[in-house]
């Protein structure tokens, strides 16, 4: 099995083909060409390294109703598969909740005690077994955190997941690096590019409102509402407002 070793005091630039998940220092800048598709590809590389057949990345969203997980992308990107939706739905009542409240310890589950995943992960330290998050899968989940108290979960699914103790730590570091990159993209778009009005128009579009209805609700002209939507689509590198809404939802800019 291939895995990247990360040594104290050493790091490789993000995007380096020899070590695409090299550690990112807090002050590192995300390359201009770095986007969501790059993250999906890198997550797919991690899945390949550990023998997983699927993966998903979630934002952690504390809410009045309890901990929620908002799916960002998964192995069916740009679509979304049923396993990801099932994990998001089960989180409020699952054991994983305690892992999302200030802890970073990975956890795993298996519906097949004789699977390679159960045999390999059951031998590792600094990892907990929890109740199955999905009915038909084995998997491992890595809690991840970034600046500004952002947190999330990266999940890998499959019956043939295997890694050594060292690889567990390395993969978790790669997951932190990946999540940090995602948060940089989100911060860049949210804090420096897309305006509050543009986000409001995107959110109303996501809720099914037309340009005319958005203009009326926000007391704008239809032309101005369409301009806001066009600008947000351009800033999100989307071909139309529908894709812009999808990208904004994936990045957690709107709900």
C-alpha atoms as a PDB file:
ATOM      1  CA  UNK A   1       0.000   0.000   0.000  1.00  0.00           C
ATOM      2  CA  UNK A   2       1.275   3.485  -0.862  1.00  0.00           C
ATOM      3  CA  UNK A   3       1.152   6.278   1.677  1.00  0.00           C
ATOM      4  CA  UNK A   4       2.909   9.575   2.248  1.00  0.00           C
ATOM      5  CA  UNK A   5       5.163  10.001   5.275  1.00  0.00           C
ATOM      6  CA  UNK A   6       5.107  13.478   6.812  1.00  0.00           C
ATOM      7  CA  UNK A   7       8.069  14.249   9.045  1.00  0.00           C
ATOM      8  CA  UNK A   8       8.354  16.967  11.652  1.00  0.00           C
ATOM      9  CA  UNK A   9       9.788  20.153  10.199  1.00  0.00           C
ATOM     10  CA  UNK A  10       9.268  19.070   6.597  1.00  0.00           C
ATOM     11  CA  UNK A  11       6.538  19.882   4.164  1.00  0.00           C
ATOM     12  CA  UNK A  12       5.946  19.761   0.440  1.00  0.00           C
ATOM     13  CA  UNK A  13       4.138  22.429  -1.547  1.00  0.00           C
ATOM     14  CA  UNK A  14       0.472  21.638  -2.061  1.00  0.00           C
ATOM     15  CA  UNK A  15       0.008  20.307  -5.569  1.00  0.00           C
ATOM     16  CA  UNK A  16       3.435  18.715  -5.850  1.00  0.00           C
ATOM     17  CA  UNK A  17       2.910  15.486  -7.794  1.00  0.00           C
ATOM     18  CA  UNK A  18       5.430  13.635  -5.601  1.00  0.00           C
ATOM     19  CA  UNK A  19       3.523  14.511  -2.445  1.00  0.00           C
ATOM     20  CA  UNK A  20       0.169  16.111  -3.325  1.00  0.00           C
ATOM     21  CA  UNK A  21      -0.943  16.057   0.303  1.00  0.00           C
ATOM     22  CA  UNK A  22       2.138  17.635   1.815  1.00  0.00           C
ATOM     23  CA  UNK A  23       1.540  19.517   5.059  1.00  0.00           C
ATOM     24  CA  UNK A  24       0.216  23.060   4.612  1.00  0.00           C
ATOM     25  CA  UNK A  25       1.506  25.706   7.031  1.00  0.00           C
ATOM     26  CA  UNK A  26      -1.199  28.129   8.250  1.00  0.00           C
ATOM     27  CA  UNK A  27       0.238  31.002   6.227  1.00  0.00           C
ATOM     28  CA  UNK A  28       0.325  29.065   2.949  1.00  0.00           C
ATOM     29  CA  UNK A  29      -1.610  30.550   0.070  1.00  0.00           C
ATOM     30  CA  UNK A  30      -3.951  28.459  -2.058  1.00  0.00           C
ATOM     31  CA  UNK A  31      -2.826  28.507  -5.719  1.00  0.00           C
ATOM     32  CA  UNK A  32      -5.130  30.463  -8.024  1.00  0.00           C
ATOM     33  CA  UNK A  33      -5.939  27.338 -10.036  1.00  0.00           C
ATOM     34  CA  UNK A  34      -6.831  25.326  -6.941  1.00  0.00           C
ATOM     35  CA  UNK A  35     -10.532  24.422  -6.961  1.00  0.00           C
ATOM     36  CA  UNK A  36     -13.109  21.909  -5.773  1.00  0.00           C
ATOM     37  CA  UNK A  37     -12.310  19.490  -8.591  1.00  0.00           C
ATOM     38  CA  UNK A  38      -8.679  19.391  -7.412  1.00  0.00           C
ATOM     39  CA  UNK A  39      -9.835  18.468  -3.913  1.00  0.00           C
ATOM     40  CA  UNK A  40     -12.046  15.679  -5.219  1.00  0.00           C
ATOM     41  CA  UNK A  41      -9.114  14.267  -7.176  1.00  0.00           C
ATOM     42  CA  UNK A  42      -6.864  14.383  -4.124  1.00  0.00           C
ATOM     43  CA  UNK A  43      -9.516  12.709  -1.979  1.00  0.00           C
ATOM     44  CA  UNK A  44      -9.766  10.004  -4.624  1.00  0.00           C
ATOM     45  CA  UNK A  45      -6.004   9.456  -4.340  1.00  0.00           C
ATOM     46  CA  UNK A  46      -6.308   8.943  -0.593  1.00  0.00           C
ATOM     47  CA  UNK A  47      -9.130   6.449  -1.142  1.00  0.00           C
ATOM     48  CA  UNK A  48      -6.961   4.561  -3.628  1.00  0.00           C
ATOM     49  CA  UNK A  49      -4.027   4.461  -1.202  1.00  0.00           C
ATOM     50  CA  UNK A  50      -6.051   2.870   1.610  1.00  0.00           C
ATOM     51  CA  UNK A  51      -8.203   0.560  -0.518  1.00  0.00           C
ATOM     52  CA  UNK A  52     -11.486   2.457  -0.098  1.00  0.00           C
ATOM     53  CA  UNK A  53     -14.183   2.191  -2.746  1.00  0.00           C
ATOM     54  CA  UNK A  54     -15.861   5.496  -1.896  1.00  0.00           C
ATOM     55  CA  UNK A  55     -15.448   8.730   0.052  1.00  0.00           C
ATOM     56  CA  UNK A  56     -17.328  11.825   1.175  1.00  0.00           C
ATOM     57  CA  UNK A  57     -16.450  15.155   2.763  1.00  0.00           C
ATOM     58  CA  UNK A  58     -18.848  16.940   5.112  1.00  0.00           C
ATOM     59  CA  UNK A  59     -18.923  20.303   6.851  1.00  0.00           C
ATOM     60  CA  UNK A  60     -19.815  20.167  10.539  1.00  0.00           C
ATOM     61  CA  UNK A  61     -22.803  22.443  11.167  1.00  0.00           C
ATOM     62  CA  UNK A  62     -23.816  22.881  14.829  1.00  0.00           C
ATOM     63  CA  UNK A  63     -27.482  23.856  14.902  1.00  0.00           C
ATOM     64  CA  UNK A  64     -30.279  24.250  17.478  1.00  0.00           C
ATOM     65  CA  UNK A  65     -31.412  20.747  16.514  1.00  0.00           C
ATOM     66  CA  UNK A  66     -28.019  19.189  17.207  1.00  0.00           C
ATOM     67  CA  UNK A  67     -24.942  18.379  15.144  1.00  0.00           C
ATOM     68  CA  UNK A  68     -25.560  18.291  11.408  1.00  0.00           C
ATOM     69  CA  UNK A  69     -23.302  17.255   8.545  1.00  0.00           C
ATOM     70  CA  UNK A  70     -23.604  19.166   5.289  1.00  0.00           C
ATOM     71  CA  UNK A  71     -22.244  17.106   2.347  1.00  0.00           C
ATOM     72  CA  UNK A  72     -19.708  18.977   0.227  1.00  0.00           C
ATOM     73  CA  UNK A  73     -18.696  16.290  -2.276  1.00  0.00           C
ATOM     74  CA  UNK A  74     -18.247  12.539  -2.564  1.00  0.00           C
ATOM     75  CA  UNK A  75     -16.917   9.889  -4.930  1.00  0.00           C
ATOM     76  CA  UNK A  76     -19.893  10.470  -7.266  1.00  0.00           C
ATOM     77  CA  UNK A  77     -18.912  14.138  -7.792  1.00  0.00           C
ATOM     78  CA  UNK A  78     -20.424  16.199  -9.356  1.00  0.00           C
ATOM     79  CA  UNK A  79     -23.389  14.081  -8.251  1.00  0.00           C
ATOM     80  CA  UNK A  80     -24.169  12.856  -4.740  1.00  0.00           C
ATOM     81  CA  UNK A  81     -24.598   9.172  -3.856  1.00  0.00           C
ATOM     82  CA  UNK A  82     -27.068   7.500  -1.514  1.00  0.00           C
ATOM     83  CA  UNK A  83     -24.441   6.530   1.085  1.00  0.00           C
ATOM     84  CA  UNK A  84     -23.478  10.183   1.604  1.00  0.00           C
ATOM     85  CA  UNK A  85     -27.100  11.181   2.114  1.00  0.00           C
ATOM     86  CA  UNK A  86     -27.591   8.286   4.533  1.00  0.00           C
ATOM     87  CA  UNK A  87     -24.580   9.326   6.622  1.00  0.00           C
ATOM     88  CA  UNK A  88     -25.792  12.934   6.807  1.00  0.00           C
ATOM     89  CA  UNK A  89     -29.250  11.738   7.849  1.00  0.00           C
ATOM     90  CA  UNK A  90     -28.021   9.425  10.626  1.00  0.00           C
ATOM     91  CA  UNK A  91     -25.562  11.819  12.262  1.00  0.00           C
ATOM     92  CA  UNK A  92     -27.924  13.566  14.740  1.00  0.00           C
ATOM     93  CA  UNK A  93     -28.580  10.236  16.507  1.00  0.00           C
ATOM     94  CA  UNK A  94     -25.287   8.419  15.792  1.00  0.00           C
ATOM     95  CA  UNK A  95     -22.200   7.880  17.928  1.00  0.00           C
ATOM     96  CA  UNK A  96     -20.196  10.036  15.554  1.00  0.00           C
ATOM     97  CA  UNK A  97     -21.689  13.105  17.253  1.00  0.00           C
ATOM     98  CA  UNK A  98     -19.207  12.892  20.130  1.00  0.00           C
ATOM     99  CA  UNK A  99     -16.322  12.825  17.673  1.00  0.00           C
ATOM    100  CA  UNK A 100     -17.439  16.119  16.182  1.00  0.00           C
ATOM    101  CA  UNK A 101     -17.424  18.043  19.435  1.00  0.00           C
ATOM    102  CA  UNK A 102     -13.785  18.974  19.886  1.00  0.00           C
ATOM    103  CA  UNK A 103     -12.203  15.562  19.220  1.00  0.00           C
ATOM    104  CA  UNK A 104      -9.940  14.503  16.378  1.00  0.00           C
ATOM    105  CA  UNK A 105      -9.703  10.751  17.042  1.00  0.00           C
ATOM    106  CA  UNK A 106     -10.721   8.772  13.930  1.00  0.00           C
ATOM    107  CA  UNK A 107     -13.464   6.155  14.197  1.00  0.00           C
ATOM    108  CA  UNK A 108     -14.429   3.119  12.150  1.00  0.00           C
ATOM    109  CA  UNK A 109     -17.332   0.717  11.742  1.00  0.00           C
ATOM    110  CA  UNK A 110     -18.080  -2.519   9.939  1.00  0.00           C
ATOM    111  CA  UNK A 111     -21.194  -4.550   9.260  1.00  0.00           C
ATOM    112  CA  UNK A 112     -19.007  -7.566   8.499  1.00  0.00           C
ATOM    113  CA  UNK A 113     -16.754  -8.793  11.297  1.00  0.00           C
ATOM    114  CA  UNK A 114     -14.761 -10.841   8.769  1.00  0.00           C
ATOM    115  CA  UNK A 115     -14.096  -8.022   6.319  1.00  0.00           C
ATOM    116  CA  UNK A 116     -10.562  -6.845   5.603  1.00  0.00           C
ATOM    117  CA  UNK A 117     -11.566  -3.444   6.970  1.00  0.00           C
ATOM    118  CA  UNK A 118     -12.565  -4.896  10.343  1.00  0.00           C
ATOM    119  CA  UNK A 119      -9.418  -7.027  10.553  1.00  0.00           C
ATOM    120  CA  UNK A 120      -7.065  -4.168   9.663  1.00  0.00           C
ATOM    121  CA  UNK A 121      -8.626  -1.265  11.565  1.00  0.00           C
ATOM    122  CA  UNK A 122      -9.439  -3.328  14.653  1.00  0.00           C
ATOM    123  CA  UNK A 123      -5.707  -3.690  15.368  1.00  0.00           C
ATOM    124  CA  UNK A 124      -4.912   0.025  15.369  1.00  0.00           C
ATOM    125  CA  UNK A 125      -4.455   2.372  18.320  1.00  0.00           C
ATOM    126  CA  UNK A 126      -5.926   5.892  18.610  1.00  0.00           C
ATOM    127  CA  UNK A 127      -9.059   4.920  16.732  1.00  0.00           C
ATOM    128  CA  UNK A 128     -12.484   3.929  18.062  1.00  0.00           C
ATOM    129  CA  UNK A 129     -15.083   1.528  16.776  1.00  0.00           C
ATOM    130  CA  UNK A 130     -18.594   2.996  16.547  1.00  0.00           C
ATOM    131  CA  UNK A 131     -21.992   1.786  15.434  1.00  0.00           C
ATOM    132  CA  UNK A 132     -22.357   1.527  11.648  1.00  0.00           C
ATOM    133  CA  UNK A 133     -23.145   4.827   9.947  1.00  0.00           C
ATOM    134  CA  UNK A 134     -24.667   3.108   6.930  1.00  0.00           C
ATOM    135  CA  UNK A 135     -26.490  -0.193   6.619  1.00  0.00           C
ATOM    136  CA  UNK A 136     -24.378  -1.734   3.886  1.00  0.00           C
ATOM    137  CA  UNK A 137     -20.869  -0.350   4.269  1.00  0.00           C
ATOM    138  CA  UNK A 138     -17.705  -0.591   6.313  1.00  0.00           C
ATOM    139  CA  UNK A 139     -15.824   2.642   6.740  1.00  0.00           C
ATOM    140  CA  UNK A 140     -13.500   5.003   8.567  1.00  0.00           C
ATOM    141  CA  UNK A 141     -14.183   8.644   9.440  1.00  0.00           C
ATOM    142  CA  UNK A 142     -11.556  11.335  10.098  1.00  0.00           C
ATOM    143  CA  UNK A 143     -12.694  14.434  12.035  1.00  0.00           C
ATOM    144  CA  UNK A 144     -10.922  17.514  10.651  1.00  0.00           C
ATOM    145  CA  UNK A 145     -10.581  21.106  11.841  1.00  0.00           C
ATOM    146  CA  UNK A 146      -9.340  24.387  10.392  1.00  0.00           C
ATOM    147  CA  UNK A 147      -8.979  28.037  11.335  1.00  0.00           C
ATOM    148  CA  UNK A 148     -12.016  30.075  12.461  1.00  0.00           C
ATOM    149  CA  UNK A 149     -13.390  27.059  14.349  1.00  0.00           C
ATOM    150  CA  UNK A 150     -14.375  25.284  11.147  1.00  0.00           C
ATOM    151  CA  UNK A 151     -14.685  21.522  11.347  1.00  0.00           C
ATOM    152  CA  UNK A 152     -15.841  18.631   9.267  1.00  0.00           C
ATOM    153  CA  UNK A 153     -15.596  14.922   8.589  1.00  0.00           C
ATOM    154  CA  UNK A 154     -13.922  12.982   5.785  1.00  0.00           C
ATOM    155  CA  UNK A 155     -15.328   9.470   5.373  1.00  0.00           C
ATOM    156  CA  UNK A 156     -13.932   6.548   3.386  1.00  0.00           C
ATOM    157  CA  UNK A 157     -16.076   3.487   2.643  1.00  0.00           C
ATOM    158  CA  UNK A 158     -15.232  -0.056   1.606  1.00  0.00           C
ATOM    159  CA  UNK A 159     -14.749  -3.634   2.788  1.00  0.00           C
ATOM    160  CA  UNK A 160     -11.036  -3.711   1.864  1.00  0.00           C
ATOM    161  CA  UNK A 161      -9.719  -0.644   3.688  1.00  0.00           C
ATOM    162  CA  UNK A 162      -6.330  -1.335   5.255  1.00  0.00           C
ATOM    163  CA  UNK A 163      -3.493   0.727   6.691  1.00  0.00           C
ATOM    164  CA  UNK A 164      -0.676   0.558   9.223  1.00  0.00           C
ATOM    165  CA  UNK A 165      -0.504   2.642  12.400  1.00  0.00           C
ATOM    166  CA  UNK A 166       1.889   5.092  10.746  1.00  0.00           C
ATOM    167  CA  UNK A 167      -0.340   5.302   7.694  1.00  0.00           C
ATOM    168  CA  UNK A 168      -3.342   6.131   9.896  1.00  0.00           C
ATOM    169  CA  UNK A 169      -1.557   9.248  11.171  1.00  0.00           C
ATOM    170  CA  UNK A 170      -0.324  10.156   7.700  1.00  0.00           C
ATOM    171  CA  UNK A 171      -3.771   9.800   6.124  1.00  0.00           C
ATOM    172  CA  UNK A 172      -5.299  11.910   8.891  1.00  0.00           C
ATOM    173  CA  UNK A 173      -2.691  14.609   8.216  1.00  0.00           C
ATOM    174  CA  UNK A 174      -3.574  14.476   4.527  1.00  0.00           C
ATOM    175  CA  UNK A 175      -7.246  14.877   5.446  1.00  0.00           C
ATOM    176  CA  UNK A 176      -6.443  17.949   7.555  1.00  0.00           C
ATOM    177  CA  UNK A 177      -4.476  19.402   4.637  1.00  0.00           C
ATOM    178  CA  UNK A 178      -7.330  18.723   2.246  1.00  0.00           C
ATOM    179  CA  UNK A 179      -9.921  20.300   4.568  1.00  0.00           C
ATOM    180  CA  UNK A 180      -7.675  23.319   5.108  1.00  0.00           C
ATOM    181  CA  UNK A 181      -7.515  23.778   1.341  1.00  0.00           C
ATOM    182  CA  UNK A 182     -11.304  23.596   1.118  1.00  0.00           C
ATOM    183  CA  UNK A 183     -11.689  26.211   3.852  1.00  0.00           C
ATOM    184  CA  UNK A 184      -9.271  28.512   2.008  1.00  0.00           C
ATOM    185  CA  UNK A 185     -11.403  28.253  -1.109  1.00  0.00           C
ATOM    186  CA  UNK A 186     -14.510  28.927   0.965  1.00  0.00           C
ATOM    187  CA  UNK A 187     -12.913  31.904   2.724  1.00  0.00           C
ATOM    188  CA  UNK A 188     -11.641  33.398  -0.510  1.00  0.00           C
ATOM    189  CA  UNK A 189     -15.058  33.216  -2.120  1.00  0.00           C
ATOM    190  CA  UNK A 190     -17.036  34.157   0.977  1.00  0.00           C
ATOM    191  CA  UNK A 191     -14.881  36.899   2.443  1.00  0.00           C
ATOM    192  CA  UNK A 192     -13.297  38.617  -0.531  1.00  0.00           C
ATOM    193  CA  UNK A 193     -15.345  37.996  -3.633  1.00  0.00           C
ATOM    194  CA  UNK A 194     -19.058  37.314  -3.362  1.00  0.00           C
ATOM    195  CA  UNK A 195     -21.117  40.124  -1.839  1.00  0.00           C
ATOM    196  CA  UNK A 196     -23.964  39.742   0.629  1.00  0.00           C
ATOM    197  CA  UNK A 197     -26.490  40.692  -2.066  1.00  0.00           C
ATOM    198  CA  UNK A 198     -25.087  38.104  -4.465  1.00  0.00           C
ATOM    199  CA  UNK A 199     -25.371  35.423  -1.794  1.00  0.00           C
ATOM    200  CA  UNK A 200     -28.933  36.496  -1.032  1.00  0.00           C
ATOM    201  CA  UNK A 201     -29.866  36.138  -4.700  1.00  0.00           C
ATOM    202  CA  UNK A 202     -28.193  32.730  -4.868  1.00  0.00           C
ATOM    203  CA  UNK A 203     -29.994  31.541  -1.749  1.00  0.00           C
ATOM    204  CA  UNK A 204     -33.378  32.655  -3.081  1.00  0.00           C
ATOM    205  CA  UNK A 205     -32.613  30.967  -6.404  1.00  0.00           C
ATOM    206  CA  UNK A 206     -31.782  27.778  -4.501  1.00  0.00           C
ATOM    207  CA  UNK A 207     -35.218  28.027  -2.870  1.00  0.00           C
ATOM    208  CA  UNK A 208     -36.910  28.168  -6.262  1.00  0.00           C
ATOM    209  CA  UNK A 209     -37.544  31.890  -6.696  1.00  0.00           C
ATOM    210  CA  UNK A 210     -37.442  33.476 -10.161  1.00  0.00           C
ATOM    211  CA  UNK A 211     -35.554  36.671 -10.994  1.00  0.00           C
ATOM    212  CA  UNK A 212     -38.802  38.643 -10.843  1.00  0.00           C
ATOM    213  CA  UNK A 213     -39.630  37.246  -7.396  1.00  0.00           C
ATOM    214  CA  UNK A 214     -36.097  37.870  -6.128  1.00  0.00           C
ATOM    215  CA  UNK A 215     -36.259  41.464  -7.363  1.00  0.00           C
ATOM    216  CA  UNK A 216     -39.550  42.011  -5.563  1.00  0.00           C
ATOM    217  CA  UNK A 217     -38.386  40.444  -2.292  1.00  0.00           C
ATOM    218  CA  UNK A 218     -35.090  42.365  -2.214  1.00  0.00           C
ATOM    219  CA  UNK A 219     -36.593  45.578  -3.635  1.00  0.00           C
ATOM    220  CA  UNK A 220     -34.361  45.496  -6.698  1.00  0.00           C
ATOM    221  CA  UNK A 221     -34.950  45.834 -10.398  1.00  0.00           C
ATOM    222  CA  UNK A 222     -35.091  42.570 -12.348  1.00  0.00           C
ATOM    223  CA  UNK A 223     -32.011  43.710 -14.262  1.00  0.00           C
ATOM    224  CA  UNK A 224     -30.069  44.214 -11.016  1.00  0.00           C
ATOM    225  CA  UNK A 225     -31.154  40.817  -9.639  1.00  0.00           C
ATOM    226  CA  UNK A 226     -29.995  39.130 -12.844  1.00  0.00           C
ATOM    227  CA  UNK A 227     -26.729  41.060 -12.674  1.00  0.00           C
ATOM    228  CA  UNK A 228     -26.070  39.843  -9.131  1.00  0.00           C
ATOM    229  CA  UNK A 229     -26.728  36.264 -10.223  1.00  0.00           C
ATOM    230  CA  UNK A 230     -24.488  36.608 -13.276  1.00  0.00           C
ATOM    231  CA  UNK A 231     -21.673  38.091 -11.165  1.00  0.00           C
ATOM    232  CA  UNK A 232     -21.901  35.321  -8.574  1.00  0.00           C
ATOM    233  CA  UNK A 233     -21.844  32.664 -11.298  1.00  0.00           C
ATOM    234  CA  UNK A 234     -18.723  34.252 -12.782  1.00  0.00           C
ATOM    235  CA  UNK A 235     -16.977  34.426  -9.408  1.00  0.00           C
ATOM    236  CA  UNK A 236     -17.794  30.789  -8.689  1.00  0.00           C
ATOM    237  CA  UNK A 237     -16.569  29.802 -12.160  1.00  0.00           C
ATOM    238  CA  UNK A 238     -20.027  28.419 -12.977  1.00  0.00           C
ATOM    239  CA  UNK A 239     -21.593  28.250 -16.437  1.00  0.00           C
ATOM    240  CA  UNK A 240     -25.047  29.336 -15.220  1.00  0.00           C
ATOM    241  CA  UNK A 241     -26.993  30.201 -12.079  1.00  0.00           C
ATOM    242  CA  UNK A 242     -27.992  26.581 -11.488  1.00  0.00           C
ATOM    243  CA  UNK A 243     -24.367  25.489 -11.332  1.00  0.00           C
ATOM    244  CA  UNK A 244     -23.538  28.552  -9.231  1.00  0.00           C
ATOM    245  CA  UNK A 245     -26.188  27.516  -6.696  1.00  0.00           C
ATOM    246  CA  UNK A 246     -24.798  23.965  -6.627  1.00  0.00           C
ATOM    247  CA  UNK A 247     -21.245  25.213  -6.025  1.00  0.00           C
ATOM    248  CA  UNK A 248     -22.357  27.666  -3.341  1.00  0.00           C
ATOM    249  CA  UNK A 249     -24.190  24.850  -1.547  1.00  0.00           C
ATOM    250  CA  UNK A 250     -21.173  22.554  -1.792  1.00  0.00           C
ATOM    251  CA  UNK A 251     -18.899  25.242  -0.353  1.00  0.00           C
ATOM    252  CA  UNK A 252     -21.339  25.985   2.449  1.00  0.00           C
ATOM    253  CA  UNK A 253     -21.850  29.600   1.326  1.00  0.00           C
ATOM    254  CA  UNK A 254     -25.631  29.168   1.366  1.00  0.00           C
ATOM    255  CA  UNK A 255     -27.956  26.634   2.952  1.00  0.00           C
END
